[in-house]
PDB file of N, CA and C in Angstrom:
ATOM      1  N   MET A   1     -14.276 -13.662   9.525  1.00  0.00           N
ATOM      2  CA  MET A   1     -15.010 -15.513   9.454  1.00  0.00           C
ATOM      3  C   MET A   1     -14.053 -16.209   9.802  1.00  0.00           C
ATOM      4  N   VAL A   2     -13.479 -15.714   7.651  1.00  0.00           N
ATOM      5  CA  VAL A   2     -12.575 -17.009   7.372  1.00  0.00           C
ATOM      6  C   VAL A   2     -11.379 -17.091   8.463  1.00  0.00           C
ATOM      7  N   ARG A   3     -11.358 -15.697   8.945  1.00  0.00           N
ATOM      8  CA  ARG A   3      -9.293 -15.991  10.107  1.00  0.00           C
ATOM      9  C   ARG A   3     -10.016 -16.788  11.497  1.00  0.00           C
ATOM     10  N   TYR A   4     -11.535 -16.854  11.765  1.00  0.00           N
ATOM     11  CA  TYR A   4     -12.160 -17.273  12.873  1.00  0.00           C
ATOM     12  C   TYR A   4     -12.414 -19.253  12.358  1.00  0.00           C
ATOM     13  N   HIS A   5     -12.373 -18.800  11.271  1.00  0.00           N
ATOM     14  CA  HIS A   5     -12.254 -20.675  11.277  1.00  0.00           C
ATOM     15  C   HIS A   5     -10.977 -21.545  10.711  1.00  0.00           C
ATOM     16  N   ALA A   6      -9.552 -20.817  10.064  1.00  0.00           N
ATOM     17  CA  ALA A   6      -8.396 -21.090  10.549  1.00  0.00           C
ATOM     18  C   ALA A   6      -8.322 -21.146  11.674  1.00  0.00           C
ATOM     19  N   LEU A   7      -7.899 -20.170  12.886  1.00  0.00           N
ATOM     20  CA  LEU A   7      -8.022 -20.275  13.400  1.00  0.00           C
ATOM     21  C   LEU A   7      -8.381 -21.304  14.639  1.00  0.00           C
ATOM     22  N   HIS A   8      -9.526 -21.615  14.218  1.00  0.00           N
ATOM     23  CA  HIS A   8     -10.218 -22.348  15.163  1.00  0.00           C
ATOM     24  C   HIS A   8     -10.463 -23.898  14.551  1.00  0.00           C
ATOM     25  N   GLU A   9      -9.713 -23.796  13.607  1.00  0.00           N
ATOM     26  CA  GLU A   9      -9.779 -24.862  12.718  1.00  0.00           C
ATOM     27  C   GLU A   9     -11.079 -25.876  12.493  1.00  0.00           C
ATOM     28  N   THR A  10     -11.635 -25.240  12.159  1.00  0.00           N
ATOM     29  CA  THR A  10     -12.953 -25.892  11.889  1.00  0.00           C
ATOM     30  C   THR A  10     -13.395 -25.716  10.671  1.00  0.00           C
ATOM     31  N   CYS A  11     -13.606 -26.847  10.020  1.00  0.00           N
ATOM     32  CA  CYS A  11     -14.210 -27.104   8.984  1.00  0.00           C
ATOM     33  C   CYS A  11     -15.757 -26.820   7.832  1.00  0.00           C
ATOM     34  N   VAL A  12     -15.444 -25.948   6.644  1.00  0.00           N
ATOM     35  CA  VAL A  12     -16.747 -25.314   6.341  1.00  0.00           C
ATOM     36  C   VAL A  12     -16.308 -26.532   5.425  1.00  0.00           C
ATOM     37  N   GLY A  13     -18.117 -26.047   5.033  1.00  0.00           N
ATOM     38  CA  GLY A  13     -18.344 -26.595   3.188  1.00  0.00           C
ATOM     39  C   GLY A  13     -18.405 -26.137   2.114  1.00  0.00           C
ATOM     40  N   PHE A  14     -18.510 -26.514   1.399  1.00  0.00           N
ATOM     41  CA  PHE A  14     -17.785 -25.863  -0.298  1.00  0.00           C
ATOM     42  C   PHE A  14     -18.666 -24.375   0.175  1.00  0.00           C
ATOM     43  N   GLU A  15     -20.040 -24.567  -0.110  1.00  0.00           N
ATOM     44  CA  GLU A  15     -20.706 -23.431  -0.533  1.00  0.00           C
ATOM     45  C   GLU A  15     -20.623 -22.369   0.518  1.00  0.00           C
ATOM     46  N   GLU A  16     -20.423 -22.998   2.158  1.00  0.00           N
ATOM     47  CA  GLU A  16     -20.220 -21.989   2.798  1.00  0.00           C
ATOM     48  C   GLU A  16     -18.727 -20.567   3.105  1.00  0.00           C
ATOM     49  N   LEU A  17     -17.753 -21.947   1.863  1.00  0.00           N
ATOM     50  CA  LEU A  17     -16.473 -21.245   2.009  1.00  0.00           C
ATOM     51  C   LEU A  17     -16.811 -19.653   0.530  1.00  0.00           C
ATOM     52  N   ARG A  18     -17.690 -20.521  -0.619  1.00  0.00           N
ATOM     53  CA  ARG A  18     -17.917 -19.469  -1.414  1.00  0.00           C
ATOM     54  C   ARG A  18     -18.458 -18.613  -0.369  1.00  0.00           C
ATOM     55  N   ALA A  19     -19.538 -19.071   0.089  1.00  0.00           N
ATOM     56  CA  ALA A  19     -20.653 -17.192   0.768  1.00  0.00           C
ATOM     57  C   ALA A  19     -19.079 -15.987   1.510  1.00  0.00           C
ATOM     58  N   MET A  20     -18.065 -16.781   2.340  1.00  0.00           N
ATOM     59  CA  MET A  20     -17.625 -16.530   3.292  1.00  0.00           C
ATOM     60  C   MET A  20     -16.478 -15.485   2.817  1.00  0.00           C
ATOM     61  N   PHE A  21     -15.904 -16.263   0.774  1.00  0.00           N
ATOM     62  CA  PHE A  21     -15.580 -15.428  -0.454  1.00  0.00           C
ATOM     63  C   PHE A  21     -15.844 -14.004  -0.403  1.00  0.00           C
ATOM     64  N   ARG A  22     -17.080 -14.166  -0.366  1.00  0.00           N
ATOM     65  CA  ARG A  22     -18.148 -13.256  -1.356  1.00  0.00           C
ATOM     66  C   ARG A  22     -18.313 -12.461  -0.350  1.00  0.00           C
ATOM     67  N   VAL A  23     -18.829 -12.172   0.715  1.00  0.00           N
ATOM     68  CA  VAL A  23     -18.457 -11.191   1.711  1.00  0.00           C
ATOM     69  C   VAL A  23     -17.590 -10.707   2.030  1.00  0.00           C
ATOM     70  N   ALA A  24     -15.931 -11.235   1.808  1.00  0.00           N
ATOM     71  CA  ALA A  24     -15.434 -10.403   1.440  1.00  0.00           C
ATOM     72  C   ALA A  24     -15.072 -10.186   1.064  1.00  0.00           C
ATOM     73  N   VAL A  25     -15.271 -10.589  -0.452  1.00  0.00           N
ATOM     74  CA  VAL A  25     -14.525  -9.741  -1.803  1.00  0.00           C
ATOM     75  C   VAL A  25     -15.703  -8.490  -1.651  1.00  0.00           C
ATOM     76  N   GLU A  26     -16.419  -8.530  -1.210  1.00  0.00           N
ATOM     77  CA  GLU A  26     -17.941  -7.845  -1.050  1.00  0.00           C
ATOM     78  C   GLU A  26     -17.105  -6.165  -0.601  1.00  0.00           C
ATOM     79  N   THR A  27     -16.357  -6.558   0.275  1.00  0.00           N
ATOM     80  CA  THR A  27     -16.203  -5.748   1.641  1.00  0.00           C
ATOM     81  C   THR A  27     -15.191  -5.314   0.803  1.00  0.00           C
ATOM     82  N   THR A  28     -14.148  -5.413   0.197  1.00  0.00           N
ATOM     83  CA  THR A  28     -12.638  -5.385  -0.258  1.00  0.00           C
ATOM     84  C   THR A  28     -12.841  -4.631  -1.786  1.00  0.00           C
ATOM     85  N   ARG A  29     -13.785  -4.937  -2.522  1.00  0.00           N
ATOM     86  CA  ARG A  29     -13.868  -4.915  -3.853  1.00  0.00           C
ATOM     87  C   ARG A  29     -13.775  -3.368  -4.556  1.00  0.00           C
ATOM     88  N   THR A  30     -12.980  -3.148  -5.791  1.00  0.00           N
ATOM     89  CA  THR A  30     -12.995  -2.304  -6.196  1.00  0.00           C
ATOM     90  C   THR A  30     -14.067  -1.637  -7.779  1.00  0.00           C
ATOM     91  N   ARG A  31     -14.402  -3.361  -7.837  1.00  0.00           N
ATOM     92  CA  ARG A  31     -15.267  -2.555  -9.608  1.00  0.00           C
ATOM     93  C   ARG A  31     -16.085  -3.954  -8.393  1.00  0.00           C
ATOM     94  N   GLN A  32     -17.336  -4.077 -10.036  1.00  0.00           N
ATOM     95  CA  GLN A  32     -18.192  -4.590  -9.490  1.00  0.00           C
ATOM     96  C   GLN A  32     -18.434  -5.986  -9.838  1.00  0.00           C
ATOM     97  N   LEU A  33     -19.461  -6.849  -8.587  1.00  0.00           N
ATOM     98  CA  LEU A  33     -19.490  -7.840  -8.906  1.00  0.00           C
ATOM     99  C   LEU A  33     -19.942  -8.554  -9.662  1.00  0.00           C
ATOM    100  N   THR A  34     -20.462 -10.111 -10.879  1.00  0.00           N
ATOM    101  CA  THR A  34     -21.054 -10.799 -11.240  1.00  0.00           C
ATOM    102  C   THR A  34     -22.276 -10.727  -9.860  1.00  0.00           C
ATOM    103  N   ASP A  35     -23.088 -11.312 -10.671  1.00  0.00           N
ATOM    104  CA  ASP A  35     -24.113 -11.822  -9.722  1.00  0.00           C
ATOM    105  C   ASP A  35     -23.492 -13.429  -9.404  1.00  0.00           C
ATOM    106  N   ASP A  36     -22.941 -13.766  -9.600  1.00  0.00           N
ATOM    107  CA  ASP A  36     -22.833 -15.091  -9.646  1.00  0.00           C
ATOM    108  C   ASP A  36     -21.338 -15.828  -8.748  1.00  0.00           C
ATOM    109  N   PHE A  37     -21.257 -14.681  -8.879  1.00  0.00           N
ATOM    110  CA  PHE A  37     -19.093 -14.656  -8.392  1.00  0.00           C
ATOM    111  C   PHE A  37     -19.660 -15.421  -7.131  1.00  0.00           C
ATOM    112  N   PRO A  38     -18.643 -16.421  -6.111  1.00  0.00           N
ATOM    113  CA  PRO A  38     -17.554 -16.991  -6.558  1.00  0.00           C
ATOM    114  C   PRO A  38     -17.800 -17.934  -7.002  1.00  0.00           C
ATOM    115  N   ILE A  39     -18.595 -18.730  -8.205  1.00  0.00           N
ATOM    116  CA  ILE A  39     -19.170 -19.953  -8.736  1.00  0.00           C
ATOM    117  C   ILE A  39     -18.481 -19.104 -10.088  1.00  0.00           C
ATOM    118  N   ASP A  40     -18.574 -19.053 -10.929  1.00  0.00           N
ATOM    119  CA  ASP A  40     -17.282 -19.314 -11.978  1.00  0.00           C
ATOM    120  C   ASP A  40     -16.243 -19.044 -11.927  1.00  0.00           C
ATOM    121  N   LYS A  41     -15.951 -18.771 -11.001  1.00  0.00           N
ATOM    122  CA  LYS A  41     -14.146 -18.812 -10.320  1.00  0.00           C
ATOM    123  C   LYS A  41     -13.963 -20.036  -9.852  1.00  0.00           C
ATOM    124  N   PHE A  42     -14.881 -20.704  -9.569  1.00  0.00           N
ATOM    125  CA  PHE A  42     -14.762 -22.376  -8.861  1.00  0.00           C
ATOM    126  C   PHE A  42     -14.915 -23.134  -9.694  1.00  0.00           C
ATOM    127  N   THR A  43     -15.698 -23.126 -10.973  1.00  0.00           N
ATOM    128  CA  THR A  43     -15.771 -23.946 -11.857  1.00  0.00           C
ATOM    129  C   THR A  43     -15.071 -23.930 -13.546  1.00  0.00           C
TER     130      THR A  43
END
């Protein structure tokens, strides 16, 4: 999804970007995520 937006030069909102990060991390994670990830990483 992130790659699609980059290749097609489309803008996304901050909340949508956070959601895309979460999906990417959930797919490739090796450790349990906190419930508020990635919100705690951006504040």
